[in-house]
PDB file of N, CA and C in Angstrom:
ATOM      1  N   HIS A   1     -36.392   2.557  38.245  1.00  0.00           N
ATOM      2  CA  HIS A   1     -35.410   1.560  37.885  1.00  0.00           C
ATOM      3  C   HIS A   1     -35.887   0.671  36.743  1.00  0.00           C
ATOM      4  N   ALA A   2     -36.802   1.168  35.945  1.00  0.00           N
ATOM      5  CA  ALA A   2     -37.372   0.379  34.852  1.00  0.00           C
ATOM      6  C   ALA A   2     -36.325  -0.056  33.830  1.00  0.00           C
ATOM      7  N   ASN A   3     -35.219   0.665  33.751  1.00  0.00           N
ATOM      8  CA  ASN A   3     -34.183   0.267  32.803  1.00  0.00           C
ATOM      9  C   ASN A   3     -33.372  -0.935  33.293  1.00  0.00           C
ATOM     10  N   LYS A   4     -33.458  -1.273  34.584  1.00  0.00           N
ATOM     11  CA  LYS A   4     -32.697  -2.402  35.134  1.00  0.00           C
ATOM     12  C   LYS A   4     -33.566  -3.530  35.670  1.00  0.00           C
ATOM     13  N   LEU A   5     -34.839  -3.237  35.967  1.00  0.00           N
ATOM     14  CA  LEU A   5     -35.721  -4.243  36.564  1.00  0.00           C
ATOM     15  C   LEU A   5     -36.934  -4.503  35.688  1.00  0.00           C
ATOM     16  N   THR A   6     -37.472  -5.705  35.797  1.00  0.00           N
ATOM     17  CA  THR A   6     -38.693  -6.068  35.095  1.00  0.00           C
ATOM     18  C   THR A   6     -39.488  -7.028  35.981  1.00  0.00           C
ATOM     19  N   THR A   7     -40.714  -7.329  35.594  1.00  0.00           N
ATOM     20  CA  THR A   7     -41.499  -8.305  36.354  1.00  0.00           C
ATOM     21  C   THR A   7     -41.731  -9.539  35.500  1.00  0.00           C
ATOM     22  N   LYS A   8     -41.825 -10.678  36.158  1.00  0.00           N
ATOM     23  CA  LYS A   8     -42.132 -11.940  35.486  1.00  0.00           C
ATOM     24  C   LYS A   8     -43.109 -12.707  36.355  1.00  0.00           C
ATOM     25  N   TRP A   9     -44.003 -13.462  35.723  1.00  0.00           N
ATOM     26  CA  TRP A   9     -44.913 -14.314  36.476  1.00  0.00           C
ATOM     27  C   TRP A   9     -44.149 -15.525  36.974  1.00  0.00           C
ATOM     28  N   THR A  10     -44.466 -15.950  38.173  1.00  0.00           N
ATOM     29  CA  THR A  10     -43.843 -17.165  38.692  1.00  0.00           C
ATOM     30  C   THR A  10     -44.343 -18.359  37.894  1.00  0.00           C
ATOM     31  N   THR A  11     -43.606 -19.436  37.967  1.00  0.00           N
ATOM     32  CA  THR A  11     -43.973 -20.650  37.236  1.00  0.00           C
ATOM     33  C   THR A  11     -44.297 -21.769  38.217  1.00  0.00           C
ATOM     34  N   ARG A  12     -44.781 -22.858  37.696  1.00  0.00           N
ATOM     35  CA  ARG A  12     -45.082 -24.025  38.536  1.00  0.00           C
ATOM     36  C   ARG A  12     -43.827 -24.507  39.264  1.00  0.00           C
ATOM     37  N   ILE A  13     -42.677 -24.460  38.598  1.00  0.00           N
ATOM     38  CA  ILE A  13     -41.447 -24.907  39.240  1.00  0.00           C
ATOM     39  C   ILE A  13     -41.080 -23.990  40.410  1.00  0.00           C
ATOM     40  N   ASP A  14     -41.344 -22.674  40.279  1.00  0.00           N
ATOM     41  CA  ASP A  14     -41.114 -21.758  41.399  1.00  0.00           C
ATOM     42  C   ASP A  14     -41.988 -22.156  42.583  1.00  0.00           C
ATOM     43  N   TYR A  15     -43.242 -22.492  42.311  1.00  0.00           N
ATOM     44  CA  TYR A  15     -44.166 -22.892  43.370  1.00  0.00           C
ATOM     45  C   TYR A  15     -43.701 -24.193  44.020  1.00  0.00           C
ATOM     46  N   GLU A  16     -43.267 -25.151  43.231  1.00  0.00           N
ATOM     47  CA  GLU A  16     -42.792 -26.420  43.788  1.00  0.00           C
ATOM     48  C   GLU A  16     -41.491 -26.229  44.559  1.00  0.00           C
ATOM     49  N   ARG A  17     -40.652 -25.319  44.094  1.00  0.00           N
ATOM     50  CA  ARG A  17     -39.422 -25.006  44.829  1.00  0.00           C
ATOM     51  C   ARG A  17     -39.773 -24.404  46.192  1.00  0.00           C
ATOM     52  N   PHE A  18     -40.779 -23.531  46.208  1.00  0.00           N
ATOM     53  CA  PHE A  18     -41.233 -22.947  47.470  1.00  0.00           C
ATOM     54  C   PHE A  18     -41.731 -24.028  48.425  1.00  0.00           C
ATOM     55  N   LEU A  19     -42.519 -24.971  47.922  1.00  0.00           N
ATOM     56  CA  LEU A  19     -43.055 -26.033  48.774  1.00  0.00           C
ATOM     57  C   LEU A  19     -41.950 -26.907  49.367  1.00  0.00           C
ATOM     58  N   ALA A  20     -40.832 -27.024  48.664  1.00  0.00           N
ATOM     59  CA  ALA A  20     -39.722 -27.855  49.139  1.00  0.00           C
ATOM     60  C   ALA A  20     -38.913 -27.161  50.237  1.00  0.00           C
ATOM     61  N   ASN A  21     -39.085 -25.849  50.390  1.00  0.00           N
ATOM     62  CA  ASN A  21     -38.341 -25.103  51.411  1.00  0.00           C
ATOM     63  C   ASN A  21     -38.830 -25.445  52.809  1.00  0.00           C
ATOM     64  N   SER A  22     -37.892 -25.577  53.734  1.00  0.00           N
ATOM     65  CA  SER A  22     -38.253 -25.703  55.140  1.00  0.00           C
ATOM     66  C   SER A  22     -37.036 -25.341  55.987  1.00  0.00           C
ATOM     67  N   LYS A  23     -37.280 -24.774  57.141  1.00  0.00           N
ATOM     68  CA  LYS A  23     -36.197 -24.380  58.040  1.00  0.00           C
ATOM     69  C   LYS A  23     -35.354 -25.594  58.414  1.00  0.00           C
ATOM     70  N   ARG A  24     -36.005 -26.722  58.664  1.00  0.00           N
ATOM     71  CA  ARG A  24     -35.304 -27.948  59.054  1.00  0.00           C
ATOM     72  C   ARG A  24     -34.349 -28.423  57.948  1.00  0.00           C
ATOM     73  N   LYS A  25     -34.818 -28.406  56.698  1.00  0.00           N
ATOM     74  CA  LYS A  25     -33.977 -28.842  55.580  1.00  0.00           C
ATOM     75  C   LYS A  25     -32.772 -27.924  55.404  1.00  0.00           C
ATOM     76  N   TYR A  26     -32.989 -26.611  55.534  1.00  0.00           N
ATOM     77  CA  TYR A  26     -31.870 -25.681  55.409  1.00  0.00           C
ATOM     78  C   TYR A  26     -30.856 -25.897  56.525  1.00  0.00           C
ATOM     79  N   LYS A  27     -31.339 -26.125  57.739  1.00  0.00           N
ATOM     80  CA  LYS A  27     -30.432 -26.356  58.863  1.00  0.00           C
ATOM     81  C   LYS A  27     -29.605 -27.621  58.635  1.00  0.00           C
ATOM     82  N   LEU A  28     -30.249 -28.707  58.211  1.00  0.00           N
ATOM     83  CA  LEU A  28     -29.528 -29.951  57.916  1.00  0.00           C
ATOM     84  C   LEU A  28     -28.491 -29.738  56.813  1.00  0.00           C
ATOM     85  N   TYR A  29     -28.905 -29.033  55.765  1.00  0.00           N
ATOM     86  CA  TYR A  29     -27.996 -28.774  54.643  1.00  0.00           C
ATOM     87  C   TYR A  29     -26.765 -27.991  55.101  1.00  0.00           C
ATOM     88  N   PHE A  30     -26.974 -26.905  55.832  1.00  0.00           N
ATOM     89  CA  PHE A  30     -25.841 -26.077  56.231  1.00  0.00           C
ATOM     90  C   PHE A  30     -24.968 -26.761  57.280  1.00  0.00           C
ATOM     91  N   ASN A  31     -25.555 -27.575  58.141  1.00  0.00           N
ATOM     92  CA  ASN A  31     -24.736 -28.354  59.076  1.00  0.00           C
ATOM     93  C   ASN A  31     -23.826 -29.310  58.310  1.00  0.00           C
ATOM     94  N   LEU A  32     -24.385 -29.992  57.312  1.00  0.00           N
ATOM     95  CA  LEU A  32     -23.589 -30.898  56.485  1.00  0.00           C
ATOM     96  C   LEU A  32     -22.522 -30.135  55.707  1.00  0.00           C
ATOM     97  N   LEU A  33     -22.909 -29.015  55.113  1.00  0.00           N
ATOM     98  CA  LEU A  33     -21.965 -28.201  54.353  1.00  0.00           C
ATOM     99  C   LEU A  33     -20.787 -27.763  55.219  1.00  0.00           C
ATOM    100  N   HIS A  34     -21.076 -27.246  56.414  1.00  0.00           N
ATOM    101  CA  HIS A  34     -20.003 -26.774  57.299  1.00  0.00           C
ATOM    102  C   HIS A  34     -19.114 -27.920  57.766  1.00  0.00           C
ATOM    103  N   SER A  35     -19.687 -29.086  57.999  1.00  0.00           N
ATOM    104  CA  SER A  35     -18.850 -30.224  58.410  1.00  0.00           C
ATOM    105  C   SER A  35     -17.915 -30.644  57.274  1.00  0.00           C
ATOM    106  N   LYS A  36     -18.395 -30.601  56.030  1.00  0.00           N
ATOM    107  CA  LYS A  36     -17.547 -30.945  54.876  1.00  0.00           C
ATOM    108  C   LYS A  36     -16.460 -29.892  54.660  1.00  0.00           C
ATOM    109  N   ILE A  37     -16.803 -28.628  54.866  1.00  0.00           N
ATOM    110  CA  ILE A  37     -15.811 -27.552  54.734  1.00  0.00           C
ATOM    111  C   ILE A  37     -14.693 -27.752  55.747  1.00  0.00           C
ATOM    112  N   ARG A  38     -15.064 -28.071  56.992  1.00  0.00           N
ATOM    113  CA  ARG A  38     -14.050 -28.326  58.022  1.00  0.00           C
ATOM    114  C   ARG A  38     -13.236 -29.578  57.700  1.00  0.00           C
ATOM    115  N   LYS A  39     -13.917 -30.650  57.330  1.00  0.00           N
ATOM    116  CA  LYS A  39     -13.254 -31.931  57.051  1.00  0.00           C
ATOM    117  C   LYS A  39     -12.212 -31.797  55.940  1.00  0.00           C
ATOM    118  N   HIS A  40     -12.541 -31.034  54.908  1.00  0.00           N
ATOM    119  CA  HIS A  40     -11.654 -30.916  53.752  1.00  0.00           C
ATOM    120  C   HIS A  40     -10.838 -29.622  53.753  1.00  0.00           C
ATOM    121  N   SER A  41     -10.882 -28.875  54.847  1.00  0.00           N
ATOM    122  CA  SER A  41     -10.111 -27.630  55.017  1.00  0.00           C
ATOM    123  C   SER A  41     -10.286 -26.666  53.840  1.00  0.00           C
ATOM    124  N   VAL A  42     -11.534 -26.428  53.464  1.00  0.00           N
ATOM    125  CA  VAL A  42     -11.827 -25.508  52.362  1.00  0.00           C
ATOM    126  C   VAL A  42     -11.703 -24.078  52.875  1.00  0.00           C
ATOM    127  N   ASN A  43     -10.892 -23.282  52.198  1.00  0.00           N
ATOM    128  CA  ASN A  43     -10.697 -21.888  52.570  1.00  0.00           C
ATOM    129  C   ASN A  43     -11.936 -21.086  52.165  1.00  0.00           C
ATOM    130  N   LYS A  44     -12.418 -20.208  53.048  1.00  0.00           N
ATOM    131  CA  LYS A  44     -13.632 -19.423  52.772  1.00  0.00           C
ATOM    132  C   LYS A  44     -13.536 -18.618  51.484  1.00  0.00           C
ATOM    133  N   ARG A  45     -12.357 -18.142  51.146  1.00  0.00           N
ATOM    134  CA  ARG A  45     -12.240 -17.330  49.927  1.00  0.00           C
ATOM    135  C   ARG A  45     -12.365 -18.176  48.659  1.00  0.00           C
ATOM    136  N   ASN A  46     -12.391 -19.496  48.818  1.00  0.00           N
ATOM    137  CA  ASN A  46     -12.553 -20.395  47.672  1.00  0.00           C
ATOM    138  C   ASN A  46     -13.967 -20.945  47.559  1.00  0.00           C
ATOM    139  N   THR A  47     -14.921 -20.284  48.195  1.00  0.00           N
ATOM    140  CA  THR A  47     -16.326 -20.681  48.070  1.00  0.00           C
ATOM    141  C   THR A  47     -17.063 -19.588  47.313  1.00  0.00           C
ATOM    142  N   TYR A  48     -18.052 -19.989  46.513  1.00  0.00           N
ATOM    143  CA  TYR A  48     -18.745 -19.044  45.638  1.00  0.00           C
ATOM    144  C   TYR A  48     -20.242 -19.280  45.686  1.00  0.00           C
ATOM    145  N   ASN A  49     -21.010 -18.231  45.430  1.00  0.00           N
ATOM    146  CA  ASN A  49     -22.465 -18.324  45.351  1.00  0.00           C
ATOM    147  C   ASN A  49     -22.833 -18.661  43.915  1.00  0.00           C
ATOM    148  N   ILE A  50     -23.449 -19.835  43.696  1.00  0.00           N
ATOM    149  CA  ILE A  50     -23.789 -20.229  42.335  1.00  0.00           C
ATOM    150  C   ILE A  50     -25.259 -20.013  42.019  1.00  0.00           C
ATOM    151  N   ASP A  51     -26.069 -19.610  42.985  1.00  0.00           N
ATOM    152  CA  ASP A  51     -27.494 -19.409  42.749  1.00  0.00           C
ATOM    153  C   ASP A  51     -27.795 -17.919  42.700  1.00  0.00           C
ATOM    154  N   LYS A  52     -28.086 -17.407  41.522  1.00  0.00           N
ATOM    155  CA  LYS A  52     -28.343 -15.974  41.353  1.00  0.00           C
ATOM    156  C   LYS A  52     -29.824 -15.626  41.452  1.00  0.00           C
ATOM    157  N   LYS A  53     -30.717 -16.617  41.535  1.00  0.00           N
ATOM    158  CA  LYS A  53     -32.153 -16.344  41.527  1.00  0.00           C
ATOM    159  C   LYS A  53     -32.737 -16.095  42.908  1.00  0.00           C
ATOM    160  N   GLY A  54     -32.099 -16.585  43.954  1.00  0.00           N
ATOM    161  CA  GLY A  54     -32.647 -16.409  45.293  1.00  0.00           C
ATOM    162  C   GLY A  54     -33.749 -17.403  45.584  1.00  0.00           C
ATOM    163  N   PHE A  55     -34.609 -17.078  46.552  1.00  0.00           N
ATOM    164  CA  PHE A  55     -35.702 -17.978  46.923  1.00  0.00           C
ATOM    165  C   PHE A  55     -36.870 -17.160  47.419  1.00  0.00           C
ATOM    166  N   PHE A  56     -38.033 -17.792  47.488  1.00  0.00           N
ATOM    167  CA  PHE A  56     -39.246 -17.130  47.929  1.00  0.00           C
ATOM    168  C   PHE A  56     -39.444 -17.305  49.429  1.00  0.00           C
ATOM    169  N   ILE A  57     -39.918 -16.284  50.084  1.00  0.00           N
ATOM    170  CA  ILE A  57     -40.321 -16.374  51.477  1.00  0.00           C
ATOM    171  C   ILE A  57     -41.765 -16.856  51.542  1.00  0.00           C
ATOM    172  N   SER A  58     -42.605 -16.362  50.675  1.00  0.00           N
ATOM    173  CA  SER A  58     -43.989 -16.833  50.589  1.00  0.00           C
ATOM    174  C   SER A  58     -44.454 -16.662  49.154  1.00  0.00           C
ATOM    175  N   ILE A  59     -45.476 -17.418  48.783  1.00  0.00           N
ATOM    176  CA  ILE A  59     -45.946 -17.363  47.401  1.00  0.00           C
ATOM    177  C   ILE A  59     -47.386 -17.841  47.327  1.00  0.00           C
ATOM    178  N   ASN A  60     -48.159 -17.236  46.454  1.00  0.00           N
ATOM    179  CA  ASN A  60     -49.476 -17.762  46.090  1.00  0.00           C
ATOM    180  C   ASN A  60     -49.249 -18.618  44.852  1.00  0.00           C
ATOM    181  N   SER A  61     -50.310 -19.178  44.264  1.00  0.00           N
ATOM    182  CA  SER A  61     -50.079 -20.038  43.101  1.00  0.00           C
ATOM    183  C   SER A  61     -49.272 -19.339  42.014  1.00  0.00           C
ATOM    184  N   TYR A  62     -49.684 -18.162  41.622  1.00  0.00           N
ATOM    185  CA  TYR A  62     -48.926 -17.409  40.633  1.00  0.00           C
ATOM    186  C   TYR A  62     -48.884 -15.953  41.068  1.00  0.00           C
ATOM    187  N   THR A  63     -47.698 -15.411  41.152  1.00  0.00           N
ATOM    188  CA  THR A  63     -47.524 -14.012  41.521  1.00  0.00           C
ATOM    189  C   THR A  63     -46.470 -13.411  40.611  1.00  0.00           C
ATOM    190  N   LYS A  64     -46.364 -12.103  40.643  1.00  0.00           N
ATOM    191  CA  LYS A  64     -45.308 -11.451  39.884  1.00  0.00           C
ATOM    192  C   LYS A  64     -44.066 -11.370  40.751  1.00  0.00           C
ATOM    193  N   ARG A  65     -42.952 -11.477  40.100  1.00  0.00           N
ATOM    194  CA  ARG A  65     -41.658 -11.439  40.767  1.00  0.00           C
ATOM    195  C   ARG A  65     -40.838 -10.344  40.100  1.00  0.00           C
ATOM    196  N   ILE A  66     -40.106  -9.557  40.873  1.00  0.00           N
ATOM    197  CA  ILE A  66     -39.253  -8.508  40.317  1.00  0.00           C
ATOM    198  C   ILE A  66     -37.855  -9.087  40.156  1.00  0.00           C
ATOM    199  N   VAL A  67     -37.324  -8.983  38.935  1.00  0.00           N
ATOM    200  CA  VAL A  67     -36.008  -9.545  38.636  1.00  0.00           C
ATOM    201  C   VAL A  67     -35.186  -8.551  37.828  1.00  0.00           C
ATOM    202  N   SER A  68     -33.897  -8.782  37.808  1.00  0.00           N
ATOM    203  CA  SER A  68     -33.004  -7.970  36.994  1.00  0.00           C
ATOM    204  C   SER A  68     -33.236  -8.284  35.523  1.00  0.00           C
ATOM    205  N   LYS A  69     -33.195  -7.283  34.672  1.00  0.00           N
ATOM    206  CA  LYS A  69     -33.341  -7.520  33.232  1.00  0.00           C
ATOM    207  C   LYS A  69     -32.163  -8.320  32.691  1.00  0.00           C
ATOM    208  N   ALA A  70     -31.053  -8.319  33.406  1.00  0.00           N
ATOM    209  CA  ALA A  70     -29.866  -9.043  32.952  1.00  0.00           C
ATOM    210  C   ALA A  70     -30.048 -10.555  33.028  1.00  0.00           C
ATOM    211  N   ILE A  71     -31.017 -11.036  33.810  1.00  0.00           N
ATOM    212  CA  ILE A  71     -31.217 -12.490  33.973  1.00  0.00           C
ATOM    213  C   ILE A  71     -31.911 -13.062  32.776  1.00  0.00           C
TER     214      ILE A  71
END
């Protein structure tokens, strides 16, 4: 898949983003999100994914990451 994928080194911001991740924060965020969706009657088909980069499960200081060449 070399024509569609490439590797990139992670950056300091990727590492700091990883450090900010926590199960508790995600749970709080999604609880708040779902309460706002209910409160304002947002239809599910009118919600969109705006983050195309994803997130890290684990990371060392600098590692290689596989990404789409289109990014």
